[in-house]
Amino acid sequence: MEWADVSEEVGSNQTNVRRILSHLARISVNAPAIQIAVGYLLADPRRVRFVSQFGEGTGLGMAISAHRRIEIPLAPWQGFINGVPVPDPLLWIEAAGTLPNGVVAVRISTDDVELMQRLSPMITQDRERHERREITERVQNLRQELDRALDLYNEVRHVMEVDQDRQAELTKFLGIAENEMHNLGQELKFLKGRLESVDE
């Protein structure tokens, strides 16, 4: 991807974030906490990531409930910092100052059709990023496991050359190592295919 394409994609993403936040502000005029949070997020839309759920490593998070047609027993706004609930947006903003460049994960629950339509592709992007990250981590772990299995295989082969009395036992270990390498290789191939499909 060319730098111009990256710049265009980032700019488009920020525009979509602003539109979503502006629409959220319009439908939440009676929720002061949401208004404060939206104002904070609009100051730097590059930091905003709309998510369907918070991940384990979420440092800064906001859960927003904006419903106009149905009653939902949820607070309009709830903040989180490193997993710790912060119920007041002003306190959250003050505490978030310790992570000035951190990504803010925003989970929105709503019955507003237009807002849901705008959010859908953004959340899909987040899911794809999460899936890509999980697959990449698993691929790295598999490669390490494959290296260890190969080391074991080579070590057993070496011992077989010098220890003729343990051929039956070592042949068994050799088969185990070969089977493990085969299984790891198959999973690695499958995950590489998934990674390519996610990146398309």
N, C-alpha and C. Protein backbone atom coordinates (compact mmCIF):
# COMPACT_ATOMS: atom_id res chain seq x y z
N MET A 1 0.84 -1.19 0.00
CA MET A 1 0.00 0.00 0.00
C MET A 1 0.88 1.25 0.00
N GLU A 2 0.58 2.20 -0.89
CA GLU A 2 1.37 3.42 -0.99
C GLU A 2 1.05 4.36 0.17
N TRP A 3 2.03 5.26 0.46
CA TRP A 3 1.83 6.22 1.56
C TRP A 3 0.61 7.09 1.30
N ALA A 4 0.38 7.45 0.05
CA ALA A 4 -0.78 8.28 -0.28
C ALA A 4 -2.07 7.56 0.06
N ASP A 5 -2.09 6.23 -0.21
CA ASP A 5 -3.28 5.44 0.10
C ASP A 5 -3.49 5.36 1.60
N VAL A 6 -2.39 5.19 2.36
CA VAL A 6 -2.48 5.12 3.82
C VAL A 6 -3.03 6.42 4.37
N SER A 7 -2.49 7.55 3.87
CA SER A 7 -2.93 8.87 4.33
C SER A 7 -4.41 9.07 4.04
N GLU A 8 -4.84 8.65 2.84
CA GLU A 8 -6.25 8.80 2.47
C GLU A 8 -7.14 7.94 3.36
N GLU A 9 -6.68 6.71 3.66
CA GLU A 9 -7.47 5.81 4.51
C GLU A 9 -7.60 6.36 5.92
N VAL A 10 -6.48 6.88 6.47
CA VAL A 10 -6.51 7.45 7.81
C VAL A 10 -7.44 8.65 7.87
N GLY A 11 -7.35 9.52 6.84
CA GLY A 11 -8.21 10.69 6.80
C GLY A 11 -9.68 10.32 6.72
N SER A 12 -9.99 9.31 5.91
CA SER A 12 -11.37 8.84 5.78
C SER A 12 -11.87 8.27 7.10
N ASN A 13 -11.00 7.53 7.79
CA ASN A 13 -11.37 6.94 9.07
C ASN A 13 -11.70 8.03 10.09
N GLN A 14 -10.88 9.08 10.15
CA GLN A 14 -11.12 10.17 11.09
C GLN A 14 -12.42 10.89 10.78
N THR A 15 -12.71 11.04 9.48
CA THR A 15 -13.97 11.68 9.08
C THR A 15 -15.15 10.86 9.56
N ASN A 16 -15.07 9.54 9.41
CA ASN A 16 -16.15 8.67 9.86
C ASN A 16 -16.31 8.73 11.38
N VAL A 17 -15.19 8.78 12.09
CA VAL A 17 -15.24 8.88 13.55
C VAL A 17 -15.95 10.17 13.96
N ARG A 18 -15.59 11.27 13.32
CA ARG A 18 -16.23 12.56 13.64
C ARG A 18 -17.73 12.51 13.37
N ARG A 19 -18.12 11.91 12.26
CA ARG A 19 -19.54 11.83 11.92
C ARG A 19 -20.31 11.00 12.96
N ILE A 20 -19.71 9.90 13.37
CA ILE A 20 -20.37 9.05 14.37
C ILE A 20 -20.51 9.79 15.69
N LEU A 21 -19.44 10.43 16.12
CA LEU A 21 -19.47 11.15 17.40
C LEU A 21 -20.45 12.33 17.34
N SER A 22 -20.48 13.03 16.22
CA SER A 22 -21.40 14.16 16.08
C SER A 22 -22.85 13.68 16.13
N HIS A 23 -23.11 12.57 15.46
CA HIS A 23 -24.47 12.02 15.48
C HIS A 23 -24.83 11.54 16.89
N LEU A 24 -23.87 10.93 17.55
CA LEU A 24 -24.09 10.48 18.93
C LEU A 24 -24.44 11.66 19.83
N ALA A 25 -23.74 12.77 19.64
CA ALA A 25 -24.02 13.97 20.44
C ALA A 25 -25.44 14.48 20.19
N ARG A 26 -25.88 14.43 18.94
CA ARG A 26 -27.21 14.94 18.59
C ARG A 26 -28.33 14.12 19.22
N ILE A 27 -28.13 12.81 19.34
CA ILE A 27 -29.20 11.97 19.88
C ILE A 27 -29.08 11.79 21.40
N SER A 28 -28.07 12.44 21.99
CA SER A 28 -27.85 12.28 23.44
C SER A 28 -27.80 13.63 24.15
N VAL A 29 -28.63 14.56 23.69
CA VAL A 29 -28.59 15.91 24.25
C VAL A 29 -29.00 15.94 25.72
N ASN A 30 -29.74 14.93 26.17
CA ASN A 30 -30.18 14.88 27.56
C ASN A 30 -29.27 14.04 28.45
N ALA A 31 -28.11 13.70 27.93
CA ALA A 31 -27.15 12.89 28.70
C ALA A 31 -25.84 13.67 28.81
N PRO A 32 -25.69 14.48 29.87
CA PRO A 32 -24.49 15.32 30.02
C PRO A 32 -23.18 14.53 29.99
N ALA A 33 -23.18 13.34 30.56
CA ALA A 33 -21.95 12.55 30.60
C ALA A 33 -21.49 12.19 29.19
N ILE A 34 -22.45 11.84 28.33
CA ILE A 34 -22.10 11.52 26.94
C ILE A 34 -21.60 12.76 26.22
N GLN A 35 -22.23 13.90 26.47
CA GLN A 35 -21.80 15.14 25.83
C GLN A 35 -20.35 15.47 26.19
N ILE A 36 -20.01 15.31 27.46
CA ILE A 36 -18.63 15.58 27.90
C ILE A 36 -17.67 14.61 27.22
N ALA A 37 -18.04 13.33 27.19
CA ALA A 37 -17.17 12.32 26.59
C ALA A 37 -16.98 12.57 25.10
N VAL A 38 -18.06 12.91 24.40
CA VAL A 38 -17.97 13.17 22.96
C VAL A 38 -17.05 14.36 22.69
N GLY A 39 -17.18 15.41 23.50
CA GLY A 39 -16.31 16.57 23.33
C GLY A 39 -14.85 16.20 23.48
N TYR A 40 -14.57 15.35 24.45
CA TYR A 40 -13.19 14.88 24.67
C TYR A 40 -12.69 14.08 23.47
N LEU A 41 -13.52 13.18 22.97
CA LEU A 41 -13.12 12.32 21.86
C LEU A 41 -12.94 13.10 20.56
N LEU A 42 -13.79 14.10 20.34
CA LEU A 42 -13.69 14.90 19.12
C LEU A 42 -12.41 15.73 19.07
N ALA A 43 -11.81 15.96 20.23
CA ALA A 43 -10.57 16.74 20.26
C ALA A 43 -9.43 16.01 19.54
N ASP A 44 -9.50 14.68 19.51
CA ASP A 44 -8.46 13.91 18.81
C ASP A 44 -9.07 12.59 18.33
N PRO A 45 -9.80 12.61 17.21
CA PRO A 45 -10.48 11.40 16.72
C PRO A 45 -9.53 10.29 16.30
N ARG A 46 -8.24 10.60 16.13
CA ARG A 46 -7.28 9.57 15.75
C ARG A 46 -7.16 8.50 16.82
N ARG A 47 -7.48 8.85 18.06
CA ARG A 47 -7.31 7.91 19.17
C ARG A 47 -8.51 6.99 19.35
N VAL A 48 -9.61 7.28 18.66
CA VAL A 48 -10.86 6.54 18.89
C VAL A 48 -10.89 5.23 18.11
N ARG A 49 -11.25 4.15 18.80
CA ARG A 49 -11.48 2.85 18.16
C ARG A 49 -12.83 2.34 18.64
N PHE A 50 -13.77 2.18 17.72
CA PHE A 50 -15.07 1.64 18.08
C PHE A 50 -14.98 0.12 18.14
N VAL A 51 -15.43 -0.46 19.24
CA VAL A 51 -15.27 -1.89 19.46
C VAL A 51 -16.60 -2.52 19.85
N SER A 52 -16.69 -3.83 19.63
CA SER A 52 -17.88 -4.57 20.06
C SER A 52 -17.72 -5.05 21.50
N GLN A 53 -16.46 -5.20 21.93
CA GLN A 53 -16.17 -5.58 23.31
C GLN A 53 -14.75 -5.13 23.65
N PHE A 54 -14.50 -4.96 24.93
CA PHE A 54 -13.18 -4.54 25.37
C PHE A 54 -12.25 -5.74 25.44
N GLY A 55 -11.02 -5.55 24.96
CA GLY A 55 -10.03 -6.61 25.04
C GLY A 55 -9.33 -6.59 26.39
N GLU A 56 -8.56 -7.63 26.65
CA GLU A 56 -7.86 -7.74 27.94
C GLU A 56 -6.87 -6.60 28.15
N GLY A 57 -6.27 -6.13 27.07
CA GLY A 57 -5.26 -5.09 27.21
C GLY A 57 -5.77 -3.68 27.05
N THR A 58 -7.09 -3.49 27.15
CA THR A 58 -7.66 -2.16 26.97
C THR A 58 -7.23 -1.24 28.11
N GLY A 59 -6.53 -0.16 27.76
CA GLY A 59 -6.11 0.80 28.78
C GLY A 59 -7.18 1.83 29.05
N LEU A 60 -7.67 2.47 27.98
CA LEU A 60 -8.71 3.49 28.09
C LEU A 60 -9.97 2.99 27.39
N GLY A 61 -11.08 3.00 28.10
CA GLY A 61 -12.32 2.52 27.50
C GLY A 61 -13.52 3.33 27.94
N MET A 62 -14.52 3.39 27.05
CA MET A 62 -15.79 4.04 27.36
C MET A 62 -16.92 3.14 26.87
N ALA A 63 -17.91 2.93 27.71
CA ALA A 63 -19.12 2.21 27.31
C ALA A 63 -20.26 3.22 27.30
N ILE A 64 -20.89 3.39 26.14
CA ILE A 64 -21.93 4.40 25.98
C ILE A 64 -23.24 3.73 25.58
N SER A 65 -24.32 4.11 26.26
CA SER A 65 -25.65 3.58 25.95
C SER A 65 -26.53 4.73 25.49
N ALA A 66 -26.91 4.70 24.21
CA ALA A 66 -27.72 5.78 23.63
C ALA A 66 -28.96 5.18 22.98
N HIS A 67 -30.03 5.07 23.76
CA HIS A 67 -31.27 4.48 23.27
C HIS A 67 -32.40 5.49 23.38
N ARG A 68 -33.20 5.57 22.32
CA ARG A 68 -34.32 6.52 22.32
C ARG A 68 -35.67 5.83 22.27
N ARG A 69 -35.71 4.59 21.78
CA ARG A 69 -36.99 3.91 21.59
C ARG A 69 -37.29 2.87 22.66
N ILE A 70 -36.25 2.32 23.26
CA ILE A 70 -36.46 1.29 24.27
C ILE A 70 -35.69 1.64 25.54
N GLU A 71 -36.20 1.15 26.66
CA GLU A 71 -35.55 1.39 27.94
C GLU A 71 -34.50 0.31 28.19
N ILE A 72 -33.27 0.73 28.40
CA ILE A 72 -32.17 -0.19 28.68
C ILE A 72 -31.61 0.14 30.06
N PRO A 73 -31.54 -0.86 30.95
CA PRO A 73 -31.05 -0.59 32.31
C PRO A 73 -29.52 -0.45 32.37
N LEU A 74 -29.01 0.50 31.60
CA LEU A 74 -27.57 0.75 31.57
C LEU A 74 -27.31 2.23 31.81
N ALA A 75 -26.20 2.53 32.45
CA ALA A 75 -25.81 3.92 32.62
C ALA A 75 -25.50 4.50 31.25
N PRO A 76 -25.85 5.76 30.98
CA PRO A 76 -25.56 6.35 29.67
C PRO A 76 -24.07 6.30 29.32
N TRP A 77 -23.24 6.44 30.36
CA TRP A 77 -21.79 6.45 30.12
C TRP A 77 -21.08 5.76 31.28
N GLN A 78 -20.08 4.97 30.93
CA GLN A 78 -19.23 4.32 31.94
C GLN A 78 -17.82 4.26 31.40
N GLY A 79 -16.89 4.80 32.17
CA GLY A 79 -15.50 4.78 31.74
C GLY A 79 -14.71 3.67 32.41
N PHE A 80 -13.60 3.30 31.77
CA PHE A 80 -12.70 2.29 32.32
C PHE A 80 -11.26 2.72 32.04
N ILE A 81 -10.41 2.54 33.03
CA ILE A 81 -8.98 2.77 32.85
C ILE A 81 -8.25 1.54 33.38
N ASN A 82 -7.60 0.84 32.46
CA ASN A 82 -6.92 -0.42 32.81
C ASN A 82 -7.87 -1.39 33.51
N GLY A 83 -9.11 -1.43 33.03
CA GLY A 83 -10.10 -2.35 33.57
C GLY A 83 -10.83 -1.87 34.80
N VAL A 84 -10.41 -0.74 35.37
CA VAL A 84 -11.04 -0.21 36.58
C VAL A 84 -12.17 0.74 36.19
N PRO A 85 -13.40 0.51 36.67
CA PRO A 85 -14.52 1.40 36.32
C PRO A 85 -14.33 2.81 36.89
N VAL A 86 -14.64 3.80 36.06
CA VAL A 86 -14.61 5.20 36.48
C VAL A 86 -15.95 5.79 36.05
N PRO A 87 -16.89 6.00 36.99
CA PRO A 87 -18.26 6.38 36.62
C PRO A 87 -18.45 7.83 36.20
N ASP A 88 -17.49 8.69 36.49
CA ASP A 88 -17.64 10.11 36.18
C ASP A 88 -16.71 10.50 35.03
N PRO A 89 -17.24 11.10 33.95
CA PRO A 89 -16.40 11.42 32.79
C PRO A 89 -15.30 12.44 33.09
N LEU A 90 -15.56 13.38 33.99
CA LEU A 90 -14.53 14.37 34.32
C LEU A 90 -13.37 13.72 35.07
N LEU A 91 -13.70 12.80 35.98
CA LEU A 91 -12.65 12.07 36.69
C LEU A 91 -11.88 11.18 35.72
N TRP A 92 -12.62 10.59 34.77
CA TRP A 92 -11.98 9.73 33.77
C TRP A 92 -10.99 10.53 32.93
N ILE A 93 -11.42 11.71 32.47
CA ILE A 93 -10.55 12.56 31.65
C ILE A 93 -9.30 12.96 32.42
N GLU A 94 -9.48 13.28 33.70
CA GLU A 94 -8.32 13.65 34.52
C GLU A 94 -7.35 12.47 34.66
N ALA A 95 -7.90 11.28 34.94
CA ALA A 95 -7.06 10.10 35.10
C ALA A 95 -6.43 9.68 33.78
N ALA A 96 -7.15 9.89 32.68
CA ALA A 96 -6.64 9.50 31.36
C ALA A 96 -5.47 10.37 30.93
N GLY A 97 -5.25 11.47 31.63
CA GLY A 97 -4.13 12.34 31.31
C GLY A 97 -2.79 11.65 31.47
N THR A 98 -2.76 10.55 32.23
CA THR A 98 -1.51 9.80 32.39
C THR A 98 -1.21 8.96 31.15
N LEU A 99 -2.21 8.82 30.27
CA LEU A 99 -2.03 8.07 29.01
C LEU A 99 -2.46 8.97 27.86
N PRO A 100 -1.76 10.07 27.64
CA PRO A 100 -2.22 11.09 26.69
C PRO A 100 -2.29 10.63 25.24
N ASN A 101 -1.52 9.62 24.88
CA ASN A 101 -1.51 9.17 23.49
C ASN A 101 -2.16 7.80 23.31
N GLY A 102 -2.80 7.31 24.38
CA GLY A 102 -3.38 5.98 24.31
C GLY A 102 -4.64 5.93 23.47
N VAL A 103 -4.87 4.77 22.84
CA VAL A 103 -6.09 4.55 22.08
C VAL A 103 -7.27 4.46 23.05
N VAL A 104 -8.39 5.06 22.68
CA VAL A 104 -9.60 5.00 23.50
C VAL A 104 -10.59 4.05 22.83
N ALA A 105 -10.84 2.92 23.48
CA ALA A 105 -11.80 1.95 22.96
C ALA A 105 -13.20 2.39 23.36
N VAL A 106 -14.09 2.55 22.39
CA VAL A 106 -15.44 3.04 22.65
C VAL A 106 -16.46 1.99 22.21
N ARG A 107 -17.23 1.51 23.17
CA ARG A 107 -18.28 0.52 22.89
C ARG A 107 -19.63 1.22 23.01
N ILE A 108 -20.39 1.21 21.92
CA ILE A 108 -21.66 1.93 21.90
C ILE A 108 -22.82 0.94 21.76
N SER A 109 -23.79 1.07 22.65
CA SER A 109 -25.04 0.32 22.56
C SER A 109 -26.13 1.32 22.17
N THR A 110 -26.86 1.04 21.09
CA THR A 110 -27.84 2.00 20.61
C THR A 110 -28.96 1.33 19.82
N ASP A 111 -30.10 2.01 19.74
CA ASP A 111 -31.19 1.55 18.89
C ASP A 111 -31.40 2.52 17.73
N ASP A 112 -30.49 3.48 17.59
CA ASP A 112 -30.58 4.45 16.51
C ASP A 112 -30.06 3.80 15.21
N VAL A 113 -30.93 3.68 14.22
CA VAL A 113 -30.59 2.96 13.00
C VAL A 113 -29.41 3.59 12.27
N GLU A 114 -29.43 4.91 12.12
CA GLU A 114 -28.34 5.57 11.40
C GLU A 114 -27.01 5.38 12.11
N LEU A 115 -27.02 5.48 13.43
CA LEU A 115 -25.79 5.29 14.20
C LEU A 115 -25.28 3.86 14.05
N MET A 116 -26.19 2.89 14.10
CA MET A 116 -25.79 1.49 13.94
C MET A 116 -25.17 1.25 12.56
N GLN A 117 -25.75 1.87 11.54
CA GLN A 117 -25.23 1.70 10.18
C GLN A 117 -23.83 2.31 10.05
N ARG A 118 -23.61 3.44 10.69
CA ARG A 118 -22.29 4.07 10.63
C ARG A 118 -21.26 3.28 11.44
N LEU A 119 -21.71 2.70 12.55
CA LEU A 119 -20.79 1.96 13.42
C LEU A 119 -20.36 0.62 12.83
N SER A 120 -21.27 -0.02 12.11
CA SER A 120 -21.04 -1.39 11.65
C SER A 120 -19.69 -1.60 10.95
N PRO A 121 -19.34 -0.80 9.92
CA PRO A 121 -18.05 -1.04 9.26
C PRO A 121 -16.86 -0.73 10.16
N MET A 122 -17.01 0.22 11.08
CA MET A 122 -15.92 0.55 11.99
C MET A 122 -15.64 -0.60 12.95
N ILE A 123 -16.71 -1.22 13.45
CA ILE A 123 -16.55 -2.35 14.36
C ILE A 123 -15.99 -3.55 13.63
N THR A 124 -16.40 -3.72 12.36
CA THR A 124 -15.85 -4.81 11.55
C THR A 124 -14.34 -4.64 11.40
N GLN A 125 -13.89 -3.41 11.18
CA GLN A 125 -12.45 -3.14 11.09
C GLN A 125 -11.74 -3.53 12.38
N ASP A 126 -12.37 -3.21 13.51
CA ASP A 126 -11.75 -3.55 14.80
C ASP A 126 -11.66 -5.06 14.98
N ARG A 127 -12.72 -5.77 14.60
CA ARG A 127 -12.71 -7.23 14.72
C ARG A 127 -11.61 -7.82 13.84
N GLU A 128 -11.45 -7.27 12.64
CA GLU A 128 -10.42 -7.76 11.74
C GLU A 128 -9.03 -7.50 12.31
N ARG A 129 -8.84 -6.31 12.91
CA ARG A 129 -7.55 -6.01 13.54
C ARG A 129 -7.27 -6.99 14.68
N HIS A 130 -8.31 -7.27 15.49
CA HIS A 130 -8.16 -8.19 16.61
C HIS A 130 -7.84 -9.60 16.11
N GLU A 131 -8.57 -10.03 15.08
CA GLU A 131 -8.33 -11.37 14.53
C GLU A 131 -6.93 -11.47 13.94
N ARG A 132 -6.51 -10.41 13.22
CA ARG A 132 -5.17 -10.41 12.62
C ARG A 132 -4.09 -10.50 13.70
N ARG A 133 -4.29 -9.77 14.79
CA ARG A 133 -3.32 -9.78 15.88
C ARG A 133 -3.25 -11.16 16.53
N GLU A 134 -4.42 -11.78 16.76
CA GLU A 134 -4.43 -13.11 17.37
C GLU A 134 -3.76 -14.15 16.47
N ILE A 135 -4.06 -14.09 15.17
CA ILE A 135 -3.47 -15.05 14.24
C ILE A 135 -1.95 -14.86 14.17
N THR A 136 -1.51 -13.61 14.10
CA THR A 136 -0.08 -13.33 14.02
C THR A 136 0.65 -13.86 15.25
N GLU A 137 0.07 -13.66 16.43
CA GLU A 137 0.69 -14.16 17.65
C GLU A 137 0.76 -15.68 17.65
N ARG A 138 -0.32 -16.33 17.18
CA ARG A 138 -0.34 -17.79 17.13
C ARG A 138 0.68 -18.31 16.13
N VAL A 139 0.82 -17.63 14.99
CA VAL A 139 1.81 -18.04 13.98
C VAL A 139 3.22 -17.96 14.57
N GLN A 140 3.51 -16.90 15.30
CA GLN A 140 4.83 -16.77 15.92
C GLN A 140 5.08 -17.89 16.93
N ASN A 141 4.05 -18.21 17.73
CA ASN A 141 4.20 -19.30 18.70
C ASN A 141 4.39 -20.65 18.00
N LEU A 142 3.66 -20.86 16.91
CA LEU A 142 3.78 -22.11 16.17
C LEU A 142 5.19 -22.27 15.59
N ARG A 143 5.74 -21.19 15.09
CA ARG A 143 7.09 -21.25 14.52
C ARG A 143 8.11 -21.63 15.59
N GLN A 144 7.92 -21.09 16.80
CA GLN A 144 8.81 -21.44 17.90
C GLN A 144 8.65 -22.92 18.28
N GLU A 145 7.40 -23.39 18.34
CA GLU A 145 7.15 -24.80 18.65
C GLU A 145 7.73 -25.70 17.57
N LEU A 146 7.61 -25.27 16.31
CA LEU A 146 8.15 -26.05 15.20
C LEU A 146 9.67 -26.13 15.28
N ASP A 147 10.31 -25.03 15.67
CA ASP A 147 11.76 -25.03 15.83
C ASP A 147 12.18 -26.00 16.93
N ARG A 148 11.42 -26.01 18.04
CA ARG A 148 11.75 -26.93 19.13
C ARG A 148 11.56 -28.38 18.71
N ALA A 149 10.48 -28.64 17.97
CA ALA A 149 10.23 -30.01 17.50
C ALA A 149 11.33 -30.45 16.54
N LEU A 150 11.79 -29.53 15.69
CA LEU A 150 12.87 -29.86 14.75
C LEU A 150 14.18 -30.12 15.50
N ASP A 151 14.43 -29.34 16.54
CA ASP A 151 15.63 -29.57 17.36
C ASP A 151 15.58 -30.95 18.01
N LEU A 152 14.39 -31.32 18.52
CA LEU A 152 14.22 -32.64 19.13
C LEU A 152 14.45 -33.74 18.10
N TYR A 153 13.89 -33.55 16.92
CA TYR A 153 14.04 -34.53 15.85
C TYR A 153 15.51 -34.73 15.50
N ASN A 154 16.23 -33.63 15.32
CA ASN A 154 17.65 -33.71 14.97
C ASN A 154 18.47 -34.35 16.09
N GLU A 155 18.10 -34.04 17.33
CA GLU A 155 18.82 -34.62 18.47
C GLU A 155 18.61 -36.13 18.53
N VAL A 156 17.38 -36.56 18.31
CA VAL A 156 17.09 -38.00 18.33
C VAL A 156 17.83 -38.70 17.20
N ARG A 157 17.85 -38.09 16.02
CA ARG A 157 18.59 -38.68 14.89
C ARG A 157 20.07 -38.83 15.22
N HIS A 158 20.62 -37.81 15.89
CA HIS A 158 22.04 -37.86 16.25
C HIS A 158 22.31 -38.99 17.25
N VAL A 159 21.42 -39.11 18.25
CA VAL A 159 21.60 -40.16 19.26
C VAL A 159 21.48 -41.54 18.62
N MET A 160 20.57 -41.69 17.65
CA MET A 160 20.38 -42.98 16.97
C MET A 160 21.65 -43.42 16.25
N GLU A 161 22.42 -42.46 15.78
CA GLU A 161 23.64 -42.80 15.05
C GLU A 161 24.73 -43.35 15.96
N VAL A 162 24.68 -42.98 17.25
CA VAL A 162 25.76 -43.40 18.16
C VAL A 162 25.31 -44.41 19.20
N ASP A 163 24.01 -44.62 19.34
CA ASP A 163 23.51 -45.55 20.37
C ASP A 163 22.65 -46.62 19.69
N GLN A 164 23.29 -47.71 19.33
CA GLN A 164 22.60 -48.77 18.61
C GLN A 164 21.67 -49.58 19.52
N ASP A 165 21.88 -49.52 20.82
CA ASP A 165 21.09 -50.33 21.75
C ASP A 165 19.70 -49.75 22.02
N ARG A 166 19.47 -48.50 21.67
CA ARG A 166 18.19 -47.85 21.98
C ARG A 166 17.40 -47.53 20.72
N GLN A 167 17.64 -48.28 19.65
CA GLN A 167 17.00 -47.97 18.38
C GLN A 167 15.47 -48.00 18.45
N ALA A 168 14.91 -49.00 19.12
CA ALA A 168 13.45 -49.11 19.19
C ALA A 168 12.84 -47.92 19.94
N GLU A 169 13.45 -47.58 21.08
CA GLU A 169 12.95 -46.46 21.88
C GLU A 169 13.09 -45.14 21.13
N LEU A 170 14.26 -44.96 20.49
CA LEU A 170 14.51 -43.71 19.78
C LEU A 170 13.65 -43.58 18.53
N THR A 171 13.37 -44.71 17.90
CA THR A 171 12.49 -44.67 16.72
C THR A 171 11.10 -44.18 17.11
N LYS A 172 10.66 -44.60 18.31
CA LYS A 172 9.36 -44.15 18.81
C LYS A 172 9.37 -42.64 19.01
N PHE A 173 10.43 -42.11 19.65
CA PHE A 173 10.54 -40.66 19.86
C PHE A 173 10.62 -39.92 18.53
N LEU A 174 11.30 -40.54 17.57
CA LEU A 174 11.43 -39.92 16.25
C LEU A 174 10.07 -39.78 15.59
N GLY A 175 9.25 -40.82 15.73
CA GLY A 175 7.90 -40.78 15.17
C GLY A 175 7.05 -39.71 15.82
N ILE A 176 7.20 -39.56 17.15
CA ILE A 176 6.45 -38.52 17.87
C ILE A 176 6.84 -37.14 17.36
N ALA A 177 8.16 -36.91 17.19
CA ALA A 177 8.64 -35.62 16.72
C ALA A 177 8.16 -35.34 15.30
N GLU A 178 8.18 -36.36 14.44
CA GLU A 178 7.71 -36.19 13.06
C GLU A 178 6.23 -35.85 13.03
N ASN A 179 5.45 -36.54 13.86
CA ASN A 179 4.01 -36.29 13.91
C ASN A 179 3.71 -34.87 14.41
N GLU A 180 4.47 -34.44 15.42
CA GLU A 180 4.27 -33.10 15.96
C GLU A 180 4.62 -32.04 14.92
N MET A 181 5.72 -32.25 14.20
CA MET A 181 6.10 -31.29 13.16
C MET A 181 5.05 -31.23 12.05
N HIS A 182 4.50 -32.39 11.71
CA HIS A 182 3.46 -32.43 10.67
C HIS A 182 2.23 -31.64 11.11
N ASN A 183 1.78 -31.88 12.36
CA ASN A 183 0.59 -31.19 12.86
C ASN A 183 0.81 -29.68 12.97
N LEU A 184 1.99 -29.31 13.46
CA LEU A 184 2.30 -27.88 13.57
C LEU A 184 2.37 -27.23 12.20
N GLY A 185 2.95 -27.93 11.25
CA GLY A 185 3.05 -27.40 9.89
C GLY A 185 1.69 -27.22 9.25
N GLN A 186 0.77 -28.15 9.50
CA GLN A 186 -0.58 -28.05 8.94
C GLN A 186 -1.32 -26.85 9.55
N GLU A 187 -1.19 -26.68 10.87
CA GLU A 187 -1.86 -25.55 11.52
C GLU A 187 -1.26 -24.23 11.04
N LEU A 188 0.06 -24.21 10.87
CA LEU A 188 0.73 -23.00 10.40
C LEU A 188 0.25 -22.64 8.99
N LYS A 189 0.11 -23.63 8.14
CA LYS A 189 -0.38 -23.40 6.78
C LYS A 189 -1.81 -22.86 6.80
N PHE A 190 -2.65 -23.44 7.67
CA PHE A 190 -4.04 -23.00 7.78
C PHE A 190 -4.13 -21.55 8.24
N LEU A 191 -3.33 -21.21 9.27
CA LEU A 191 -3.37 -19.85 9.81
C LEU A 191 -2.83 -18.83 8.82
N LYS A 192 -1.83 -19.20 8.04
CA LYS A 192 -1.32 -18.29 7.02
C LYS A 192 -2.41 -17.99 5.98
N GLY A 193 -3.20 -19.02 5.66
CA GLY A 193 -4.31 -18.82 4.73
C GLY A 193 -5.35 -17.87 5.31
N ARG A 194 -5.66 -18.04 6.60
CA ARG A 194 -6.62 -17.14 7.25
C ARG A 194 -6.09 -15.71 7.29
N LEU A 195 -4.79 -15.57 7.55
CA LEU A 195 -4.19 -14.24 7.61
C LEU A 195 -4.28 -13.55 6.25
N GLU A 196 -4.07 -14.30 5.19
CA GLU A 196 -4.17 -13.73 3.85
C GLU A 196 -5.61 -13.31 3.55
N SER A 197 -6.59 -14.11 3.99
CA SER A 197 -7.99 -13.76 3.73
C SER A 197 -8.41 -12.53 4.52
N VAL A 198 -7.87 -12.36 5.74
CA VAL A 198 -8.19 -11.18 6.55
C VAL A 198 -7.59 -9.93 5.92
N ASP A 199 -6.40 -10.06 5.32
CA ASP A 199 -5.70 -8.91 4.74
C ASP A 199 -6.25 -8.51 3.38
N GLU A 200 -7.09 -9.35 2.77
CA GLU A 200 -7.61 -9.02 1.44
C GLU A 200 -8.57 -7.84 1.50
